[in-house]
C-alpha cells in the first residue's frame, strides 16, 4: 500500500496522489511513455541520416583510395627497407642482415654470394658512367638477360625490274644475317677502412658509386671507341665495316673535309647525327672559319643553354678519340642511335670481403659489371681520315 503523500522516483516525476484507483497502471503508463519518447528520438536521428556534404567527401575519399596505383607509400617503404638492407650489408656483412632484409635484396647471378645494388644506387652509378663514357649518351642502350645478343639484319634487298605485260619476271631474293654482341665483364675492387664503415654519418654508397663509376666509365669509354680485345666490347673505330672520308689535307682538319664527311652520311642518319672528337681536335676546329670569316663551330641552344654544334649538328667530346695527325681518324659523325648499340646485363654487383684485408683494418668490396657493345648499322656512322685521298 502506497503512502498518502506524494511518492517520487529518482529517474522521473511520477506522482501518486490519494484517490488513485490503480497505482501500478500509472507506473506502467509512465514507462510506456518514456519508451515511446526514446523511440521517437532515435527515429528522428536515423531519419536525418549523414549530412550530404560529409557523405560526398567520404565517397570521394573512398574512390581515391580504391583507385589503382595509389600504393606509393607502400613502395616508398619497400625502397627504404631495401636501401637500409644494402647499407647494412656494406657496413657489417650478410651476417648482420635480418630475414626480411635478405629478402629485400636481389641475389646476383654469381656463386660468390654477392648482392645487386638497390635501384637508387644503380642510378647514381649510371650518372657517373655517362660522365666518363659519353658514348652512352648518344648510343642505343638496352638491357639483356642473356650471355650474348643476336640482332638480325638484312644483308641484301630485292632487285626489281620494269617488265612488259607478258614478259617473264626474274626471280629476286632477300638475304638476312645477324650481328652477335657478346656480353663482357668489367671487374674492380676498392678497399675501405673499417673505421670509415663504422661511421654512421659517412655515405658509403656515394663513395662506392664514385669509385666504381669512375673506373668502369673509363674502361667502357676505351672499349666503345677503340675496343679490339675479345674480352671487351668492340669499338666503332676498330670496326672494319665503318668507312671513312678523306679530310682533303695530309696533316690538318679542313672545312671542306668536314663538309664532305657530313654529306657522305645518308640523309635519314644526318637528321639525328652527332659529331665525336676529343678536346684537342675540338679546339682545332673551333678556329676554322668560312669564306665570310664566321666560325664553323657555333655555340647555340634552346633557352640560352650552350650547345656546341658543327654544320647544325651537336658535338660530343669523346676523350678516347685520337688526336689530329697524318693518317689518323680524329673525327666521327653519324647517327649513333642506329650505328652503335650497348646492352647491359648486370648494372652492378657488389661482393663484400671482410677477411682478405682484415689485418690492415680494411674491408674489400669487389664490383663487377657485365655489358656488351658493338656497331649496329655501319652505314649510319663514318670517320674522317687526315689524308688527301
Protein backbone atom coordinates (compact mmCIF):
# COMPACT_ATOMS: atom_id res chain seq x y z
CA UNK A 1 0.00 0.00 0.00
CA UNK A 2 1.30 3.39 -1.05
CA UNK A 3 1.66 6.25 1.39
CA UNK A 4 -0.93 9.02 1.05
CA UNK A 5 1.74 11.68 0.42
CA UNK A 6 3.48 12.12 -2.93
CA UNK A 7 5.91 9.37 -3.87
CA UNK A 8 8.81 10.39 -6.14
CA UNK A 9 11.24 8.26 -8.15
CA UNK A 10 14.81 9.25 -8.79
CA UNK A 11 14.56 8.62 -12.52
CA UNK A 12 11.36 10.52 -13.21
CA UNK A 13 8.50 12.63 -11.92
CA UNK A 14 5.80 10.02 -11.32
CA UNK A 15 3.32 11.31 -8.71
CA UNK A 16 0.79 9.19 -6.87
CA UNK A 17 -1.98 11.09 -5.09
CA UNK A 18 -4.57 9.94 -2.70
CA UNK A 19 -7.57 8.57 -4.51
CA UNK A 20 -5.78 6.99 -7.48
CA UNK A 21 -7.50 3.72 -8.26
CA UNK A 22 -4.58 1.62 -9.75
CA UNK A 23 -1.15 2.92 -8.92
CA UNK A 24 0.55 0.04 -10.83
CA UNK A 25 -1.23 1.04 -14.01
CA UNK A 26 0.01 4.59 -13.67
CA UNK A 27 3.62 3.38 -13.30
CA UNK A 28 3.28 1.18 -16.39
CA UNK A 29 1.84 4.08 -18.37
CA UNK A 30 4.77 6.31 -17.38
CA UNK A 31 7.24 3.65 -18.52
CA UNK A 32 5.43 3.24 -21.84
CA UNK A 33 5.51 6.99 -22.42
CA UNK A 34 9.25 7.03 -21.72
CA UNK A 35 9.86 4.18 -24.18
CA UNK A 36 7.80 5.95 -26.83
CA UNK A 37 9.76 9.17 -26.37
CA UNK A 38 13.08 7.34 -26.74
CA UNK A 39 11.91 5.54 -29.90
CA UNK A 40 10.75 8.80 -31.47
CA UNK A 41 14.10 10.45 -30.79
CA UNK A 42 16.04 7.55 -32.33
CA UNK A 43 13.83 7.53 -35.41
CA UNK A 44 14.34 11.27 -35.81
CA UNK A 45 18.10 10.85 -35.73
CA UNK A 46 18.00 7.92 -38.17
CA UNK A 47 15.72 9.82 -40.49
CA UNK A 48 18.12 12.70 -40.83
CA UNK A 49 20.99 10.38 -41.91
CA UNK A 50 24.53 11.59 -42.66
CA UNK A 51 24.98 15.13 -43.82
CA UNK A 52 25.04 15.14 -47.69
CA UNK A 53 28.26 17.17 -47.88
CA UNK A 54 30.00 14.85 -45.45
CA UNK A 55 28.77 11.80 -47.36
CA UNK A 56 30.09 13.27 -50.63
CA UNK A 57 33.54 13.74 -49.11
CA UNK A 58 33.50 10.17 -47.80
CA UNK A 59 32.58 8.84 -51.27
CA UNK A 60 35.39 10.82 -52.93
CA UNK A 61 37.98 9.62 -50.43
CA UNK A 62 36.81 6.02 -50.85
CA UNK A 63 37.10 6.26 -54.63
CA UNK A 64 40.57 7.76 -54.38
CA UNK A 65 41.78 5.03 -52.04
CA UNK A 66 40.42 2.31 -54.32
CA UNK A 67 41.98 3.87 -57.44
CA UNK A 68 44.79 1.72 -58.99
CA UNK A 69 48.36 2.88 -58.49
CA UNK A 70 47.91 4.63 -55.14
CA UNK A 71 50.29 2.38 -53.26
CA UNK A 72 53.07 4.97 -53.26
CA UNK A 73 53.51 4.81 -49.51
CA UNK A 74 53.98 1.05 -49.66
CA UNK A 75 56.52 1.44 -52.47
CA UNK A 76 58.46 4.11 -50.60
CA UNK A 77 58.51 1.89 -47.54
CA UNK A 78 59.78 -1.06 -49.61
CA UNK A 79 62.51 1.10 -51.18
CA UNK A 80 63.56 2.35 -47.77
CA UNK A 81 63.84 -1.24 -46.47
CA UNK A 82 65.93 -2.25 -49.49
CA UNK A 83 68.27 0.73 -49.15
CA UNK A 84 68.71 0.13 -45.40
CA UNK A 85 69.39 -3.55 -46.05
CA UNK A 86 72.05 -2.78 -48.65
CA UNK A 87 73.73 -0.27 -46.34
CA UNK A 88 73.75 -2.86 -43.54
CA UNK A 89 75.29 -5.40 -45.92
CA UNK A 90 78.01 -2.95 -46.95
CA UNK A 91 78.86 -1.91 -43.41
CA UNK A 92 78.51 -5.17 -41.47
CA UNK A 93 78.16 -8.03 -43.93
CA UNK A 94 75.49 -10.59 -44.72
CA UNK A 95 75.54 -11.99 -41.18
CA UNK A 96 74.06 -8.74 -39.83
CA UNK A 97 71.01 -8.88 -42.11
CA UNK A 98 67.63 -9.94 -40.83
CA UNK A 99 65.48 -12.41 -42.75
CA UNK A 100 63.30 -9.60 -44.14
CA UNK A 101 66.35 -7.59 -45.20
CA UNK A 102 67.79 -10.57 -47.04
CA UNK A 103 64.51 -11.00 -48.90
CA UNK A 104 64.56 -7.33 -49.94
CA UNK A 105 67.93 -7.71 -51.69
CA UNK A 106 68.27 -9.45 -55.03
CA UNK A 107 71.00 -12.09 -55.16
CA UNK A 108 73.35 -11.68 -58.12
CA UNK A 109 73.97 -14.47 -60.61
CA UNK A 110 77.49 -15.24 -59.39
CA UNK A 111 78.37 -18.04 -57.00
CA UNK A 112 80.23 -15.86 -54.52
CA UNK A 113 77.15 -14.67 -52.67
CA UNK A 114 77.13 -11.07 -53.81
CA UNK A 115 74.11 -8.78 -53.84
CA UNK A 116 72.92 -6.46 -56.57
CA UNK A 117 72.90 -2.80 -55.58
CA UNK A 118 69.42 -1.29 -54.97
CA UNK A 119 67.81 0.88 -57.64
CA UNK A 120 68.86 4.22 -56.17
CA UNK A 121 72.48 3.07 -56.02
CA UNK A 122 72.44 1.93 -59.66
CA UNK A 123 71.02 5.24 -60.82
CA UNK A 124 73.95 7.06 -59.20
CA UNK A 125 76.38 4.72 -60.91
CA UNK A 126 74.77 5.28 -64.30
CA UNK A 127 75.17 9.03 -63.99
CA UNK A 128 78.87 8.60 -63.26
CA UNK A 129 79.37 6.25 -66.21
CA UNK A 130 77.80 8.77 -68.58
CA UNK A 131 80.14 11.41 -67.23
CA UNK A 132 83.22 9.37 -68.05
CA UNK A 133 81.89 7.49 -71.07
CA UNK A 134 79.82 9.91 -73.20
CA UNK A 135 79.27 7.24 -75.86
CA UNK A 136 76.42 6.04 -73.66
CA UNK A 137 74.69 9.39 -74.00
CA UNK A 138 74.38 9.05 -77.79
CA UNK A 139 74.33 5.27 -78.44
CA UNK A 140 71.32 3.00 -78.14
CA UNK A 141 71.37 1.35 -74.68
CA UNK A 142 69.19 -1.67 -73.90
CA UNK A 143 69.03 -4.35 -71.18
CA UNK A 144 69.61 -8.03 -71.82
CA UNK A 145 69.19 -11.20 -69.81
CA UNK A 146 71.40 -13.44 -71.97
CA UNK A 147 75.17 -14.02 -72.26
CA UNK A 148 75.02 -12.80 -75.87
CA UNK A 149 72.61 -10.83 -78.06
CA UNK A 150 71.80 -11.84 -81.64
CA UNK A 151 70.46 -8.97 -83.73
CA UNK A 152 69.04 -9.88 -87.18
CA UNK A 153 69.94 -7.69 -90.13
CA UNK A 154 69.18 -7.55 -93.84
CA UNK A 155 72.27 -8.07 -95.97
CA UNK A 156 70.63 -7.90 -99.39
CA UNK A 157 67.39 -6.46 -100.72
CA UNK A 158 65.09 -7.21 -103.64
CA UNK A 159 66.11 -6.29 -107.17
CA UNK A 160 63.01 -5.43 -109.15
CA UNK A 161 62.88 -4.52 -112.86
CA UNK A 162 60.43 -2.99 -115.31
CA UNK A 163 58.73 -5.66 -117.44
CA UNK A 164 56.29 -5.91 -120.28
CA UNK A 165 52.73 -7.13 -119.99
CA UNK A 166 53.56 -10.75 -120.78
CA UNK A 167 57.28 -10.68 -120.18
CA UNK A 168 58.78 -13.23 -117.78
CA UNK A 169 59.58 -11.99 -114.33
CA UNK A 170 63.06 -12.63 -112.96
CA UNK A 171 63.50 -14.17 -109.53
CA UNK A 172 64.71 -11.96 -106.70
CA UNK A 173 65.57 -12.81 -103.11
CA UNK A 174 66.17 -11.04 -99.84
CA UNK A 175 69.11 -12.21 -97.74
CA UNK A 176 69.45 -11.86 -94.00
CA UNK A 177 72.22 -12.18 -91.47
CA UNK A 178 72.78 -11.31 -87.83
CA UNK A 179 75.10 -9.39 -85.57
CA UNK A 180 76.28 -11.04 -82.39
CA UNK A 181 77.10 -8.99 -79.31
CA UNK A 182 78.87 -10.98 -76.61
CA UNK A 183 78.47 -9.85 -73.01
CA UNK A 184 81.81 -8.90 -71.42
CA UNK A 185 82.66 -8.32 -67.78
CA UNK A 186 84.36 -5.40 -66.06
CA UNK A 187 85.75 -6.03 -62.59
CA UNK A 188 87.39 -3.85 -59.97
CA UNK A 189 87.67 -3.63 -56.22
CA UNK A 190 88.13 -0.92 -53.63
CA UNK A 191 89.34 -1.12 -50.02
CA UNK A 192 87.53 0.90 -47.35
CA UNK A 193 88.74 1.29 -43.77
CA UNK A 194 86.61 -0.37 -41.12
CA UNK A 195 86.61 2.86 -39.14
CA UNK A 196 85.00 4.62 -42.06
CA UNK A 197 82.38 1.89 -42.35
CA UNK A 198 81.54 2.26 -38.68
CA UNK A 199 80.97 6.00 -39.04
CA UNK A 200 77.19 6.24 -39.40
CA UNK A 201 77.45 9.77 -40.84
CA UNK A 202 79.51 8.58 -43.82
CA UNK A 203 77.66 7.83 -47.08
CA UNK A 204 79.37 4.62 -48.13
CA UNK A 205 77.01 4.26 -51.09
CA UNK A 206 78.19 7.56 -52.57
CA UNK A 207 81.83 6.54 -52.18
CA UNK A 208 81.36 3.21 -53.94
CA UNK A 209 79.26 4.82 -56.68
CA UNK A 210 82.05 7.26 -57.45
CA UNK A 211 84.89 4.74 -57.27
CA UNK A 212 83.26 2.07 -59.42
CA UNK A 213 81.66 4.64 -61.71
CA UNK A 214 84.98 6.31 -62.42
CA UNK A 215 86.83 3.08 -63.16
CA UNK A 216 84.04 1.39 -65.14
CA UNK A 217 83.37 4.60 -67.03
CA UNK A 218 86.98 4.84 -68.13
CA UNK A 219 87.11 1.20 -69.25
CA UNK A 220 83.80 1.45 -71.09
CA UNK A 221 84.87 4.63 -72.86
CA UNK A 222 88.03 3.00 -74.16
CA UNK A 223 86.19 -0.15 -75.27
CA UNK A 224 83.24 1.55 -77.00
CA UNK A 225 85.63 3.70 -79.04
CA UNK A 226 88.76 1.59 -79.57
CA UNK A 227 87.90 -1.84 -78.17
CA UNK A 228 89.51 -4.65 -80.15
CA UNK A 229 90.01 -7.34 -77.47
CA UNK A 230 87.88 -10.46 -77.22
CA UNK A 231 87.43 -9.65 -73.52
CA UNK A 232 85.88 -6.22 -74.19
CA UNK A 233 83.07 -4.87 -76.37
CA UNK A 234 84.16 -3.98 -79.91
CA UNK A 235 84.74 -0.30 -80.63
CA UNK A 236 83.37 1.58 -83.62
CA UNK A 237 86.80 2.95 -84.53
CA UNK A 238 88.15 -0.59 -84.96
CA UNK A 239 85.19 -1.97 -86.90
CA UNK A 240 86.21 -2.69 -90.48
CA UNK A 241 82.68 -2.02 -91.75
CA UNK A 242 82.79 1.63 -90.66
CA UNK A 243 84.15 3.52 -93.68
CA UNK A 244 85.92 6.88 -93.85
CA UNK A 245 86.07 10.11 -95.83
CA UNK A 246 89.44 11.77 -96.58
CA UNK A 247 89.88 15.18 -94.98
CA UNK A 248 91.46 16.90 -98.07
CA UNK A 249 94.68 17.64 -96.17
CA UNK A 250 97.61 15.47 -95.10
CA UNK A 251 98.04 16.94 -91.60
CA UNK A 252 95.16 19.30 -90.74
CA UNK A 253 91.39 19.31 -90.46
CA UNK A 254 89.89 21.46 -93.19
CA UNK A 255 86.38 22.76 -93.62
CA UNK A 256 85.98 21.06 -96.99
CA UNK A 257 86.76 17.68 -95.44
CA UNK A 258 84.14 18.19 -92.72
CA UNK A 259 81.52 19.12 -95.32
CA UNK A 260 82.42 16.04 -97.37
CA UNK A 261 82.06 13.84 -94.30
CA UNK A 262 78.71 15.41 -93.41
CA UNK A 263 77.24 14.70 -96.85
CA UNK A 264 78.77 11.22 -97.08
CA UNK A 265 76.20 10.10 -94.50
CA UNK A 266 72.74 9.28 -95.84
CA UNK A 267 70.14 11.98 -95.18
CA UNK A 268 68.00 9.98 -92.69
CA UNK A 269 71.08 9.50 -90.49
CA UNK A 270 72.23 13.12 -90.81
CA UNK A 271 68.98 14.31 -89.21
CA UNK A 272 69.99 12.65 -85.92
CA UNK A 273 73.74 12.89 -86.48
CA UNK A 274 76.31 13.70 -83.80
CA UNK A 275 79.98 14.62 -84.13
CA UNK A 276 82.51 12.83 -81.94
CA UNK A 277 86.06 14.03 -81.21
CA UNK A 278 88.40 14.71 -78.31
CA UNK A 279 89.02 18.08 -76.73
CA UNK A 280 92.24 18.78 -78.65
CA UNK A 281 90.52 18.23 -82.00
CA UNK A 282 87.56 20.34 -80.94
CA UNK A 283 89.92 23.17 -80.07
CA UNK A 284 91.44 22.98 -83.55
CA UNK A 285 88.19 23.06 -85.49
CA UNK A 286 86.87 25.92 -83.36
CA UNK A 287 89.38 28.08 -85.22
CA UNK A 288 88.01 27.15 -88.65
CA UNK A 289 86.15 29.92 -90.50
CA UNK A 290 84.04 30.04 -93.62
CA UNK A 291 84.64 32.38 -96.57
CA UNK A 292 82.80 35.16 -94.74
CA UNK A 293 85.04 34.94 -91.69
CA UNK A 294 82.44 33.23 -89.49
CA UNK A 295 83.49 30.37 -87.25
CA UNK A 296 82.17 26.98 -88.38
CA UNK A 297 81.65 25.80 -84.80
CA UNK A 298 78.72 27.57 -83.18
CA UNK A 299 77.58 27.88 -79.58
CA UNK A 300 73.79 27.88 -79.58
CA UNK A 301 70.91 26.20 -77.83
CA UNK A 302 67.37 26.43 -76.56
CA UNK A 303 66.64 28.76 -73.64
CA UNK A 304 70.22 30.08 -73.71
CA UNK A 305 71.61 26.61 -73.00
CA UNK A 306 75.04 26.37 -74.69
CA UNK A 307 75.27 23.58 -77.26
CA UNK A 308 78.38 23.18 -79.40
CA UNK A 309 77.36 22.48 -83.00
CA UNK A 310 79.11 21.93 -86.31
CA UNK A 311 77.10 22.28 -89.54
CA UNK A 312 73.98 22.33 -87.40
CA UNK A 313 74.65 19.08 -85.53
CA UNK A 314 75.86 18.73 -81.89
CA UNK A 315 79.42 17.82 -80.89
CA UNK A 316 80.16 15.32 -78.11
CA UNK A 317 83.64 15.22 -76.63
CA UNK A 318 84.96 11.65 -76.62
CA UNK A 319 88.31 11.67 -74.79
CA UNK A 320 89.37 8.33 -76.28
CA UNK A 321 89.29 9.57 -79.88
CA UNK A 322 92.77 10.06 -81.45
CA UNK A 323 94.44 13.43 -81.96
CA UNK A 324 94.89 15.08 -85.35
CA UNK A 325 97.82 13.51 -87.21
CA UNK A 326 98.63 12.16 -90.62
CA UNK A 327 96.56 9.04 -91.48
CA UNK A 328 94.69 9.30 -88.16
CA UNK A 329 90.90 9.28 -87.74
CA UNK A 330 90.25 12.07 -85.22
CA UNK A 331 86.56 12.72 -86.02
CA UNK A 332 83.49 10.54 -86.41
CA UNK A 333 80.00 11.60 -87.46
CA UNK A 334 76.64 9.90 -87.76
CA UNK A 335 73.54 8.58 -86.02
CA UNK A 336 74.87 6.65 -83.03
CA UNK A 337 71.38 5.50 -82.06
CA UNK A 338 71.42 3.41 -85.21
CA UNK A 339 75.16 2.99 -85.54
CA UNK A 340 76.21 1.71 -82.10
CA UNK A 341 74.41 -0.45 -79.54
CA UNK A 342 75.09 -1.15 -75.87
CA UNK A 343 73.49 -3.97 -73.86
CA UNK A 344 73.57 -4.01 -70.05
CA UNK A 345 73.47 -7.47 -68.47
CA UNK A 346 74.42 -6.64 -64.86
CA UNK A 347 74.45 -2.97 -63.89
CA UNK A 348 76.46 -3.54 -60.74
CA UNK A 349 77.11 -6.45 -58.40
CA UNK A 350 78.87 -5.91 -55.07
CA UNK A 351 80.70 -8.58 -53.06
CA UNK A 352 81.85 -7.68 -49.55
CA UNK A 353 85.12 -9.29 -48.44
CA UNK A 354 85.90 -8.55 -44.76
CA UNK A 355 88.68 -11.17 -44.48
CA UNK A 356 91.47 -10.68 -47.01
CA UNK A 357 92.37 -7.18 -45.71
CA UNK A 358 91.30 -7.68 -42.08
CA UNK A 359 94.88 -7.42 -40.79
CA UNK A 360 95.09 -3.96 -42.36
CA UNK A 361 91.84 -2.78 -40.82
CA UNK A 362 90.16 -2.69 -44.24
CA UNK A 363 87.16 -4.28 -45.94
CA UNK A 364 87.41 -5.01 -49.65
CA UNK A 365 84.46 -4.50 -51.98
CA UNK A 366 84.52 -6.29 -55.33
CA UNK A 367 82.43 -4.69 -58.06
CA UNK A 368 81.53 -6.20 -61.39
CA UNK A 369 79.55 -5.04 -64.35
CA UNK A 370 78.58 -7.05 -67.45
CA UNK A 371 77.97 -5.20 -70.70
CA UNK A 372 78.01 -5.80 -74.45
CA UNK A 373 78.56 -3.32 -77.23
CA UNK A 374 79.24 -3.09 -80.93
CA UNK A 375 78.38 -1.48 -84.24
CA UNK A 376 74.78 -1.88 -85.36
CA UNK A 377 74.40 -0.20 -88.75
CA UNK A 378 77.85 0.62 -90.07
CA UNK A 379 76.41 2.92 -92.74
CA UNK A 380 74.97 5.20 -90.04
CA UNK A 381 78.40 6.40 -88.83
CA UNK A 382 81.54 7.44 -90.71
CA UNK A 383 85.10 8.53 -89.85
CA UNK A 384 87.23 11.42 -91.11
CA UNK A 385 90.77 10.46 -92.13
CA UNK A 386 93.56 13.04 -92.14
CA UNK A 387 94.67 12.41 -95.73
CA UNK A 388 94.18 13.85 -99.18
CA UNK A 389 92.61 10.66 -100.53
